[in-house]
Amino acid sequence: MLNDRGTVHGGVLLGLGHKAQEWYQQCHGVRCRPLRVTIDYLRPAPDDRHLVLRSSLERRGRRLWIVRTVILDRSGRTVAVARGTGAVTAHESIASLELRG
């Protein structure tokens, strides 16, 4: 999972960011079909096996959710920022509207 420089491979960071976004959506009772995931790499991720991922909602629409995930190293520095856009499935979109009241 490391690249030739001894830091975490970018594909691994992208996969972790995407998974964190899926968990975030599930915790909020919504299932989304992924449309796009992007990531900005800001600094190398160390290989010390300690990364923190924090997800937050950027946009909550009836049809689209955009979730932002910040990946931090052990010292709290931002390693990468991932953004995922997902289409809310028809069944869950009705349930999310009911949750809003």
PDB file of N, CA and C in Angstrom:
ATOM      1  N   MET A   1       0.793  -1.179   0.000  1.00  0.00           N
ATOM      2  CA  MET A   1       0.000   0.000   0.000  1.00  0.00           C
ATOM      3  C   MET A   1       0.851   1.265   0.000  1.00  0.00           C
ATOM      4  N   LEU A   2       2.155   1.086  -0.076  1.00  0.00           N
ATOM      5  CA  LEU A   2       3.057   2.225  -0.131  1.00  0.00           C
ATOM      6  C   LEU A   2       3.582   2.396  -1.545  1.00  0.00           C
ATOM      7  N   ASN A   3       3.905   3.633  -1.881  1.00  0.00           N
ATOM      8  CA  ASN A   3       4.501   3.874  -3.186  1.00  0.00           C
ATOM      9  C   ASN A   3       6.023   3.715  -3.098  1.00  0.00           C
ATOM     10  N   ASP A   4       6.710   4.010  -4.193  1.00  0.00           N
ATOM     11  CA  ASP A   4       8.161   3.816  -4.214  1.00  0.00           C
ATOM     12  C   ASP A   4       8.914   4.814  -3.327  1.00  0.00           C
ATOM     13  N   ARG A   5       8.243   5.832  -2.812  1.00  0.00           N
ATOM     14  CA  ARG A   5       8.865   6.795  -1.898  1.00  0.00           C
ATOM     15  C   ARG A   5       8.627   6.442  -0.434  1.00  0.00           C
ATOM     16  N   GLY A   6       7.893   5.364  -0.189  1.00  0.00           N
ATOM     17  CA  GLY A   6       7.649   4.924   1.179  1.00  0.00           C
ATOM     18  C   GLY A   6       6.488   5.621   1.866  1.00  0.00           C
ATOM     19  N   THR A   7       5.642   6.309   1.107  1.00  0.00           N
ATOM     20  CA  THR A   7       4.452   6.932   1.676  1.00  0.00           C
ATOM     21  C   THR A   7       3.212   6.215   1.144  1.00  0.00           C
ATOM     22  N   VAL A   8       2.072   6.480   1.768  1.00  0.00           N
ATOM     23  CA  VAL A   8       0.832   5.798   1.375  1.00  0.00           C
ATOM     24  C   VAL A   8       0.491   6.168  -0.068  1.00  0.00           C
ATOM     25  N   HIS A   9       0.183   5.156  -0.868  1.00  0.00           N
ATOM     26  CA  HIS A   9      -0.150   5.339  -2.273  1.00  0.00           C
ATOM     27  C   HIS A   9      -1.432   6.160  -2.403  1.00  0.00           C
ATOM     28  N   GLY A  10      -1.481   7.037  -3.387  1.00  0.00           N
ATOM     29  CA  GLY A  10      -2.636   7.895  -3.603  1.00  0.00           C
ATOM     30  C   GLY A  10      -3.932   7.142  -3.842  1.00  0.00           C
ATOM     31  N   GLY A  11      -3.856   5.994  -4.492  1.00  0.00           N
ATOM     32  CA  GLY A  11      -5.058   5.189  -4.729  1.00  0.00           C
ATOM     33  C   GLY A  11      -5.659   4.669  -3.432  1.00  0.00           C
ATOM     34  N   VAL A  12      -4.800   4.370  -2.471  1.00  0.00           N
ATOM     35  CA  VAL A  12      -5.264   3.916  -1.157  1.00  0.00           C
ATOM     36  C   VAL A  12      -5.995   5.056  -0.459  1.00  0.00           C
ATOM     37  N   LEU A  13      -5.418   6.264  -0.511  1.00  0.00           N
ATOM     38  CA  LEU A  13      -6.065   7.424   0.106  1.00  0.00           C
ATOM     39  C   LEU A  13      -7.421   7.698  -0.532  1.00  0.00           C
ATOM     40  N   LEU A  14      -7.497   7.585  -1.854  1.00  0.00           N
ATOM     41  CA  LEU A  14      -8.762   7.790  -2.548  1.00  0.00           C
ATOM     42  C   LEU A  14      -9.791   6.753  -2.110  1.00  0.00           C
ATOM     43  N   GLY A  15      -9.377   5.504  -2.023  1.00  0.00           N
ATOM     44  CA  GLY A  15     -10.285   4.444  -1.584  1.00  0.00           C
ATOM     45  C   GLY A  15     -10.773   4.643  -0.157  1.00  0.00           C
ATOM     46  N   LEU A  16      -9.874   5.056   0.744  1.00  0.00           N
ATOM     47  CA  LEU A  16     -10.273   5.332   2.124  1.00  0.00           C
ATOM     48  C   LEU A  16     -11.251   6.493   2.196  1.00  0.00           C
ATOM     49  N   GLY A  17     -10.983   7.544   1.422  1.00  0.00           N
ATOM     50  CA  GLY A  17     -11.880   8.692   1.398  1.00  0.00           C
ATOM     51  C   GLY A  17     -13.266   8.322   0.898  1.00  0.00           C
ATOM     52  N   HIS A  18     -13.309   7.522  -0.148  1.00  0.00           N
ATOM     53  CA  HIS A  18     -14.590   7.088  -0.710  1.00  0.00           C
ATOM     54  C   HIS A  18     -15.362   6.234   0.292  1.00  0.00           C
ATOM     55  N   LYS A  19     -14.688   5.328   0.966  1.00  0.00           N
ATOM     56  CA  LYS A  19     -15.349   4.471   1.961  1.00  0.00           C
ATOM     57  C   LYS A  19     -15.880   5.300   3.124  1.00  0.00           C
ATOM     58  N   ALA A  20     -15.109   6.300   3.567  1.00  0.00           N
ATOM     59  CA  ALA A  20     -15.571   7.177   4.653  1.00  0.00           C
ATOM     60  C   ALA A  20     -16.834   7.923   4.238  1.00  0.00           C
ATOM     61  N   GLN A  21     -16.919   8.316   2.989  1.00  0.00           N
ATOM     62  CA  GLN A  21     -18.109   9.006   2.502  1.00  0.00           C
ATOM     63  C   GLN A  21     -19.316   8.070   2.467  1.00  0.00           C
ATOM     64  N   GLU A  22     -19.116   6.825   2.078  1.00  0.00           N
ATOM     65  CA  GLU A  22     -20.207   5.845   2.103  1.00  0.00           C
ATOM     66  C   GLU A  22     -20.717   5.645   3.526  1.00  0.00           C
ATOM     67  N   TRP A  23     -19.817   5.531   4.486  1.00  0.00           N
ATOM     68  CA  TRP A  23     -20.216   5.367   5.887  1.00  0.00           C
ATOM     69  C   TRP A  23     -20.974   6.589   6.381  1.00  0.00           C
ATOM     70  N   TYR A  24     -20.521   7.762   5.996  1.00  0.00           N
ATOM     71  CA  TYR A  24     -21.192   8.995   6.400  1.00  0.00           C
ATOM     72  C   TYR A  24     -22.638   8.990   5.899  1.00  0.00           C
ATOM     73  N   GLN A  25     -22.825   8.620   4.643  1.00  0.00           N
ATOM     74  CA  GLN A  25     -24.176   8.578   4.070  1.00  0.00           C
ATOM     75  C   GLN A  25     -25.034   7.548   4.789  1.00  0.00           C
ATOM     76  N   GLN A  26     -24.496   6.378   5.052  1.00  0.00           N
ATOM     77  CA  GLN A  26     -25.247   5.337   5.747  1.00  0.00           C
ATOM     78  C   GLN A  26     -25.642   5.779   7.148  1.00  0.00           C
ATOM     79  N   CYS A  27     -24.758   6.479   7.846  1.00  0.00           N
ATOM     80  CA  CYS A  27     -25.079   6.968   9.190  1.00  0.00           C
ATOM     81  C   CYS A  27     -26.215   7.976   9.166  1.00  0.00           C
ATOM     82  N   HIS A  28     -26.420   8.608   8.030  1.00  0.00           N
ATOM     83  CA  HIS A  28     -27.503   9.577   7.898  1.00  0.00           C
ATOM     84  C   HIS A  28     -28.713   8.981   7.168  1.00  0.00           C
ATOM     85  N   GLY A  29     -28.730   7.665   7.006  1.00  0.00           N
ATOM     86  CA  GLY A  29     -29.892   6.967   6.452  1.00  0.00           C
ATOM     87  C   GLY A  29     -30.114   7.160   4.965  1.00  0.00           C
ATOM     88  N   VAL A  30     -29.052   7.441   4.234  1.00  0.00           N
ATOM     89  CA  VAL A  30     -29.186   7.668   2.793  1.00  0.00           C
ATOM     90  C   VAL A  30     -28.210   6.773   2.051  1.00  0.00           C
ATOM     91  N   ARG A  31     -28.677   6.225   0.956  1.00  0.00           N
ATOM     92  CA  ARG A  31     -27.788   5.461   0.069  1.00  0.00           C
ATOM     93  C   ARG A  31     -27.660   6.215  -1.235  1.00  0.00           C
ATOM     94  N   CYS A  32     -26.435   6.342  -1.669  1.00  0.00           N
ATOM     95  CA  CYS A  32     -26.163   7.069  -2.905  1.00  0.00           C
ATOM     96  C   CYS A  32     -25.406   6.183  -3.877  1.00  0.00           C
ATOM     97  N   ARG A  33     -25.724   6.369  -5.136  1.00  0.00           N
ATOM     98  CA  ARG A  33     -24.954   5.734  -6.199  1.00  0.00           C
ATOM     99  C   ARG A  33     -23.830   6.703  -6.545  1.00  0.00           C
ATOM    100  N   PRO A  34     -22.576   6.290  -6.416  1.00  0.00           N
ATOM    101  CA  PRO A  34     -21.479   7.226  -6.657  1.00  0.00           C
ATOM    102  C   PRO A  34     -21.446   7.705  -8.105  1.00  0.00           C
ATOM    103  N   LEU A  35     -21.292   9.006  -8.261  1.00  0.00           N
ATOM    104  CA  LEU A  35     -21.176   9.600  -9.588  1.00  0.00           C
ATOM    105  C   LEU A  35     -19.753  10.070  -9.865  1.00  0.00           C
ATOM    106  N   ARG A  36     -19.128  10.653  -8.824  1.00  0.00           N
ATOM    107  CA  ARG A  36     -17.772  11.162  -9.012  1.00  0.00           C
ATOM    108  C   ARG A  36     -17.087  11.260  -7.654  1.00  0.00           C
ATOM    109  N   VAL A  37     -15.812  10.923  -7.631  1.00  0.00           N
ATOM    110  CA  VAL A  37     -14.977  11.123  -6.454  1.00  0.00           C
ATOM    111  C   VAL A  37     -13.694  11.789  -6.933  1.00  0.00           C
ATOM    112  N   THR A  38     -13.341  12.900  -6.287  1.00  0.00           N
ATOM    113  CA  THR A  38     -12.097  13.587  -6.612  1.00  0.00           C
ATOM    114  C   THR A  38     -11.271  13.715  -5.340  1.00  0.00           C
ATOM    115  N   ILE A  39      -9.979  13.899  -5.511  1.00  0.00           N
ATOM    116  CA  ILE A  39      -9.120  14.053  -4.343  1.00  0.00           C
ATOM    117  C   ILE A  39      -8.003  15.038  -4.676  1.00  0.00           C
ATOM    118  N   ASP A  40      -7.702  15.866  -3.711  1.00  0.00           N
ATOM    119  CA  ASP A  40      -6.559  16.784  -3.814  1.00  0.00           C
ATOM    120  C   ASP A  40      -5.518  16.304  -2.823  1.00  0.00           C
ATOM    121  N   TYR A  41      -4.331  15.961  -3.326  1.00  0.00           N
ATOM    122  CA  TYR A  41      -3.239  15.510  -2.477  1.00  0.00           C
ATOM    123  C   TYR A  41      -2.427  16.733  -2.054  1.00  0.00           C
ATOM    124  N   LEU A  42      -2.310  16.942  -0.749  1.00  0.00           N
ATOM    125  CA  LEU A  42      -1.648  18.143  -0.251  1.00  0.00           C
ATOM    126  C   LEU A  42      -0.237  17.886   0.277  1.00  0.00           C
ATOM    127  N   ARG A  43      -0.009  16.709   0.818  1.00  0.00           N
ATOM    128  CA  ARG A  43       1.330  16.347   1.298  1.00  0.00           C
ATOM    129  C   ARG A  43       1.394  14.818   1.382  1.00  0.00           C
ATOM    130  N   PRO A  44       2.594  14.255   1.405  1.00  0.00           N
ATOM    131  CA  PRO A  44       2.721  12.792   1.504  1.00  0.00           C
ATOM    132  C   PRO A  44       2.128  12.272   2.818  1.00  0.00           C
ATOM    133  N   ALA A  45       1.456  11.160   2.738  1.00  0.00           N
ATOM    134  CA  ALA A  45       0.903  10.504   3.929  1.00  0.00           C
ATOM    135  C   ALA A  45       1.954   9.547   4.474  1.00  0.00           C
ATOM    136  N   PRO A  46       2.354   9.718   5.728  1.00  0.00           N
ATOM    137  CA  PRO A  46       3.391   8.856   6.302  1.00  0.00           C
ATOM    138  C   PRO A  46       2.893   7.418   6.441  1.00  0.00           C
ATOM    139  N   ASP A  47       3.847   6.511   6.540  1.00  0.00           N
ATOM    140  CA  ASP A  47       3.502   5.081   6.641  1.00  0.00           C
ATOM    141  C   ASP A  47       3.396   4.616   8.089  1.00  0.00           C
ATOM    142  N   ASP A  48       3.020   5.510   9.008  1.00  0.00           N
ATOM    143  CA  ASP A  48       2.959   5.121  10.425  1.00  0.00           C
ATOM    144  C   ASP A  48       1.628   4.467  10.822  1.00  0.00           C
ATOM    145  N   ARG A  49       0.791   4.146   9.857  1.00  0.00           N
ATOM    146  CA  ARG A  49      -0.476   3.428  10.072  1.00  0.00           C
ATOM    147  C   ARG A  49      -1.487   4.205  10.909  1.00  0.00           C
ATOM    148  N   HIS A  50      -1.387   5.514  10.898  1.00  0.00           N
ATOM    149  CA  HIS A  50      -2.333   6.319  11.665  1.00  0.00           C
ATOM    150  C   HIS A  50      -2.814   7.480  10.809  1.00  0.00           C
ATOM    151  N   LEU A  51      -4.022   7.348  10.289  1.00  0.00           N
ATOM    152  CA  LEU A  51      -4.660   8.419   9.542  1.00  0.00           C
ATOM    153  C   LEU A  51      -6.045   8.638  10.135  1.00  0.00           C
ATOM    154  N   VAL A  52      -6.485   9.869  10.152  1.00  0.00           N
ATOM    155  CA  VAL A  52      -7.818  10.214  10.645  1.00  0.00           C
ATOM    156  C   VAL A  52      -8.604  10.762   9.466  1.00  0.00           C
ATOM    157  N   LEU A  53      -9.838  10.265   9.292  1.00  0.00           N
ATOM    158  CA  LEU A  53     -10.697  10.735   8.216  1.00  0.00           C
ATOM    159  C   LEU A  53     -11.926  11.392   8.820  1.00  0.00           C
ATOM    160  N   ARG A  54     -12.223  12.598   8.385  1.00  0.00           N
ATOM    161  CA  ARG A  54     -13.391  13.335   8.875  1.00  0.00           C
ATOM    162  C   ARG A  54     -14.251  13.736   7.689  1.00  0.00           C
ATOM    163  N   SER A  55     -15.494  13.279   7.697  1.00  0.00           N
ATOM    164  CA  SER A  55     -16.413  13.584   6.607  1.00  0.00           C
ATOM    165  C   SER A  55     -17.468  14.577   7.062  1.00  0.00           C
ATOM    166  N   SER A  56     -17.877  15.435   6.140  1.00  0.00           N
ATOM    167  CA  SER A  56     -18.941  16.397   6.402  1.00  0.00           C
ATOM    168  C   SER A  56     -19.734  16.616   5.119  1.00  0.00           C
ATOM    169  N   LEU A  57     -20.941  17.071   5.297  1.00  0.00           N
ATOM    170  CA  LEU A  57     -21.836  17.284   4.165  1.00  0.00           C
ATOM    171  C   LEU A  57     -21.602  18.667   3.577  1.00  0.00           C
ATOM    172  N   GLU A  58     -21.347  18.714   2.268  1.00  0.00           N
ATOM    173  CA  GLU A  58     -21.217  20.002   1.581  1.00  0.00           C
ATOM    174  C   GLU A  58     -22.538  20.425   0.967  1.00  0.00           C
ATOM    175  N   ARG A  59     -23.284  19.466   0.437  1.00  0.00           N
ATOM    176  CA  ARG A  59     -24.564  19.773  -0.194  1.00  0.00           C
ATOM    177  C   ARG A  59     -25.509  18.604  -0.004  1.00  0.00           C
ATOM    178  N   ARG A  60     -26.720  18.917   0.428  1.00  0.00           N
ATOM    179  CA  ARG A  60     -27.740  17.884   0.592  1.00  0.00           C
ATOM    180  C   ARG A  60     -28.949  18.293  -0.229  1.00  0.00           C
ATOM    181  N   GLY A  61     -29.115  17.638  -1.345  1.00  0.00           N
ATOM    182  CA  GLY A  61     -30.265  17.894  -2.198  1.00  0.00           C
ATOM    183  C   GLY A  61     -31.177  16.688  -2.237  1.00  0.00           C
ATOM    184  N   ARG A  62     -32.282  16.839  -2.922  1.00  0.00           N
ATOM    185  CA  ARG A  62     -33.204  15.704  -3.060  1.00  0.00           C
ATOM    186  C   ARG A  62     -32.583  14.595  -3.896  1.00  0.00           C
ATOM    187  N   ARG A  63     -31.756  14.974  -4.851  1.00  0.00           N
ATOM    188  CA  ARG A  63     -31.201  13.984  -5.766  1.00  0.00           C
ATOM    189  C   ARG A  63     -29.699  13.780  -5.628  1.00  0.00           C
ATOM    190  N   LEU A  64     -28.981  14.786  -5.162  1.00  0.00           N
ATOM    191  CA  LEU A  64     -27.520  14.692  -5.071  1.00  0.00           C
ATOM    192  C   LEU A  64     -27.043  15.053  -3.678  1.00  0.00           C
ATOM    193  N   TRP A  65     -26.051  14.317  -3.211  1.00  0.00           N
ATOM    194  CA  TRP A  65     -25.330  14.638  -1.974  1.00  0.00           C
ATOM    195  C   TRP A  65     -23.869  14.822  -2.338  1.00  0.00           C
ATOM    196  N   ILE A  66     -23.240  15.837  -1.773  1.00  0.00           N
ATOM    197  CA  ILE A  66     -21.805  16.025  -1.931  1.00  0.00           C
ATOM    198  C   ILE A  66     -21.191  15.961  -0.540  1.00  0.00           C
ATOM    199  N   VAL A  67     -20.277  15.013  -0.364  1.00  0.00           N
ATOM    200  CA  VAL A  67     -19.632  14.794   0.928  1.00  0.00           C
ATOM    201  C   VAL A  67     -18.147  15.095   0.780  1.00  0.00           C
ATOM    202  N   ARG A  68     -17.617  15.814   1.754  1.00  0.00           N
ATOM    203  CA  ARG A  68     -16.198  16.190   1.775  1.00  0.00           C
ATOM    204  C   ARG A  68     -15.512  15.409   2.888  1.00  0.00           C
ATOM    205  N   THR A  69     -14.381  14.809   2.583  1.00  0.00           N
ATOM    206  CA  THR A  69     -13.614  14.051   3.563  1.00  0.00           C
ATOM    207  C   THR A  69     -12.196  14.605   3.634  1.00  0.00           C
ATOM    208  N   VAL A  70     -11.793  14.966   4.842  1.00  0.00           N
ATOM    209  CA  VAL A  70     -10.433  15.456   5.079  1.00  0.00           C
ATOM    210  C   VAL A  70      -9.635  14.300   5.689  1.00  0.00           C
ATOM    211  N   ILE A  71      -8.473  14.033   5.132  1.00  0.00           N
ATOM    212  CA  ILE A  71      -7.592  12.969   5.628  1.00  0.00           C
ATOM    213  C   ILE A  71      -6.415  13.640   6.338  1.00  0.00           C
ATOM    214  N   LEU A  72      -6.257  13.300   7.615  1.00  0.00           N
ATOM    215  CA  LEU A  72      -5.231  13.921   8.453  1.00  0.00           C
ATOM    216  C   LEU A  72      -4.186  12.900   8.874  1.00  0.00           C
ATOM    217  N   ASP A  73      -2.948  13.361   9.062  1.00  0.00           N
ATOM    218  CA  ASP A  73      -1.913  12.474   9.593  1.00  0.00           C
ATOM    219  C   ASP A  73      -1.929  12.523  11.123  1.00  0.00           C
ATOM    220  N   ARG A  74      -1.012  11.811  11.740  1.00  0.00           N
ATOM    221  CA  ARG A  74      -0.971  11.694  13.205  1.00  0.00           C
ATOM    222  C   ARG A  74      -0.863  13.056  13.898  1.00  0.00           C
ATOM    223  N   SER A  75      -0.180  13.999  13.294  1.00  0.00           N
ATOM    224  CA  SER A  75       0.004  15.309  13.921  1.00  0.00           C
ATOM    225  C   SER A  75      -1.122  16.294  13.583  1.00  0.00           C
ATOM    226  N   GLY A  76      -2.133  15.838  12.857  1.00  0.00           N
ATOM    227  CA  GLY A  76      -3.285  16.687  12.550  1.00  0.00           C
ATOM    228  C   GLY A  76      -3.143  17.521  11.297  1.00  0.00           C
ATOM    229  N   ARG A  77      -2.093  17.297  10.536  1.00  0.00           N
ATOM    230  CA  ARG A  77      -1.925  18.024   9.280  1.00  0.00           C
ATOM    231  C   ARG A  77      -2.756  17.367   8.186  1.00  0.00           C
ATOM    232  N   THR A  78      -3.348  18.192   7.335  1.00  0.00           N
ATOM    233  CA  THR A  78      -4.173  17.671   6.249  1.00  0.00           C
ATOM    234  C   THR A  78      -3.284  17.070   5.173  1.00  0.00           C
ATOM    235  N   VAL A  79      -3.533  15.799   4.879  1.00  0.00           N
ATOM    236  CA  VAL A  79      -2.792  15.071   3.852  1.00  0.00           C
ATOM    237  C   VAL A  79      -3.501  15.189   2.507  1.00  0.00           C
ATOM    238  N   ALA A  80      -4.833  15.055   2.531  1.00  0.00           N
ATOM    239  CA  ALA A  80      -5.617  15.094   1.300  1.00  0.00           C
ATOM    240  C   ALA A  80      -7.058  15.479   1.633  1.00  0.00           C
ATOM    241  N   VAL A  81      -7.747  15.985   0.611  1.00  0.00           N
ATOM    242  CA  VAL A  81      -9.165  16.309   0.740  1.00  0.00           C
ATOM    243  C   VAL A  81      -9.887  15.637  -0.424  1.00  0.00           C
ATOM    244  N   ALA A  82     -10.874  14.793  -0.093  1.00  0.00           N
ATOM    245  CA  ALA A  82     -11.658  14.086  -1.112  1.00  0.00           C
ATOM    246  C   ALA A  82     -13.073  14.645  -1.119  1.00  0.00           C
ATOM    247  N   ARG A  83     -13.647  14.713  -2.308  1.00  0.00           N
ATOM    248  CA  ARG A  83     -15.043  15.120  -2.454  1.00  0.00           C
ATOM    249  C   ARG A  83     -15.750  14.074  -3.298  1.00  0.00           C
ATOM    250  N   GLY A  84     -16.925  13.663  -2.823  1.00  0.00           N
ATOM    251  CA  GLY A  84     -17.692  12.660  -3.536  1.00  0.00           C
ATOM    252  C   GLY A  84     -19.094  13.155  -3.810  1.00  0.00           C
ATOM    253  N   THR A  85     -19.537  12.968  -5.048  1.00  0.00           N
ATOM    254  CA  THR A  85     -20.899  13.309  -5.437  1.00  0.00           C
ATOM    255  C   THR A  85     -21.644  12.007  -5.670  1.00  0.00           C
ATOM    256  N   GLY A  86     -22.816  11.888  -5.047  1.00  0.00           N
ATOM    257  CA  GLY A  86     -23.612  10.682  -5.192  1.00  0.00           C
ATOM    258  C   GLY A  86     -25.057  11.012  -5.498  1.00  0.00           C
ATOM    259  N   ALA A  87     -25.675  10.176  -6.327  1.00  0.00           N
ATOM    260  CA  ALA A  87     -27.093  10.314  -6.649  1.00  0.00           C
ATOM    261  C   ALA A  87     -27.885   9.489  -5.639  1.00  0.00           C
ATOM    262  N   VAL A  88     -28.799  10.150  -4.951  1.00  0.00           N
ATOM    263  CA  VAL A  88     -29.630   9.472  -3.964  1.00  0.00           C
ATOM    264  C   VAL A  88     -30.566   8.528  -4.707  1.00  0.00           C
ATOM    265  N   THR A  89     -30.619   7.267  -4.259  1.00  0.00           N
ATOM    266  CA  THR A  89     -31.500   6.313  -4.913  1.00  0.00           C
ATOM    267  C   THR A  89     -32.952   6.670  -4.616  1.00  0.00           C
ATOM    268  N   ALA A  90     -33.864   6.282  -5.485  1.00  0.00           N
ATOM    269  CA  ALA A  90     -35.267   6.699  -5.398  1.00  0.00           C
ATOM    270  C   ALA A  90     -35.885   6.362  -4.049  1.00  0.00           C
ATOM    271  N   HIS A  91     -35.673   5.158  -3.559  1.00  0.00           N
ATOM    272  CA  HIS A  91     -36.276   4.735  -2.293  1.00  0.00           C
ATOM    273  C   HIS A  91     -35.763   5.583  -1.138  1.00  0.00           C
ATOM    274  N   GLU A  92     -34.445   5.802  -1.084  1.00  0.00           N
ATOM    275  CA  GLU A  92     -33.877   6.566   0.016  1.00  0.00           C
ATOM    276  C   GLU A  92     -34.204   8.048  -0.085  1.00  0.00           C
ATOM    277  N   SER A  93     -34.421   8.558  -1.308  1.00  0.00           N
ATOM    278  CA  SER A  93     -34.734   9.975  -1.418  1.00  0.00           C
ATOM    279  C   SER A  93     -36.082  10.270  -0.768  1.00  0.00           C
ATOM    280  N   ILE A  94     -37.041   9.364  -0.881  1.00  0.00           N
ATOM    281  CA  ILE A  94     -38.339   9.537  -0.219  1.00  0.00           C
ATOM    282  C   ILE A  94     -38.141   9.490   1.283  1.00  0.00           C
ATOM    283  N   ALA A  95     -37.345   8.539   1.776  1.00  0.00           N
ATOM    284  CA  ALA A  95     -37.106   8.434   3.219  1.00  0.00           C
ATOM    285  C   ALA A  95     -36.398   9.681   3.743  1.00  0.00           C
ATOM    286  N   SER A  96     -35.453  10.240   2.974  1.00  0.00           N
ATOM    287  CA  SER A  96     -34.743  11.420   3.468  1.00  0.00           C
ATOM    288  C   SER A  96     -35.664  12.628   3.510  1.00  0.00           C
ATOM    289  N   LEU A  97     -36.619  12.711   2.599  1.00  0.00           N
ATOM    290  CA  LEU A  97     -37.581  13.803   2.642  1.00  0.00           C
ATOM    291  C   LEU A  97     -38.473  13.690   3.871  1.00  0.00           C
ATOM    292  N   GLU A  98     -38.828  12.451   4.232  1.00  0.00           N
ATOM    293  CA  GLU A  98     -39.644  12.245   5.410  1.00  0.00           C
ATOM    294  C   GLU A  98     -38.882  12.622   6.681  1.00  0.00           C
ATOM    295  N   LEU A  99     -37.562  12.382   6.689  1.00  0.00           N
ATOM    296  CA  LEU A  99     -36.753  12.738   7.847  1.00  0.00           C
ATOM    297  C   LEU A  99     -36.672  14.243   8.045  1.00  0.00           C
ATOM    298  N   ARG A 100     -36.729  14.996   6.960  1.00  0.00           N
ATOM    299  CA  ARG A 100     -36.657  16.447   7.060  1.00  0.00           C
ATOM    300  C   ARG A 100     -37.914  17.039   7.687  1.00  0.00           C
ATOM    301  N   GLY A 101     -39.027  16.350   7.515  1.00  0.00           N
ATOM    302  CA  GLY A 101     -40.279  16.801   8.110  1.00  0.00           C
ATOM    303  C   GLY A 101     -40.975  17.753   7.273  1.00  0.00           C
TER     304      GLY A 101
END
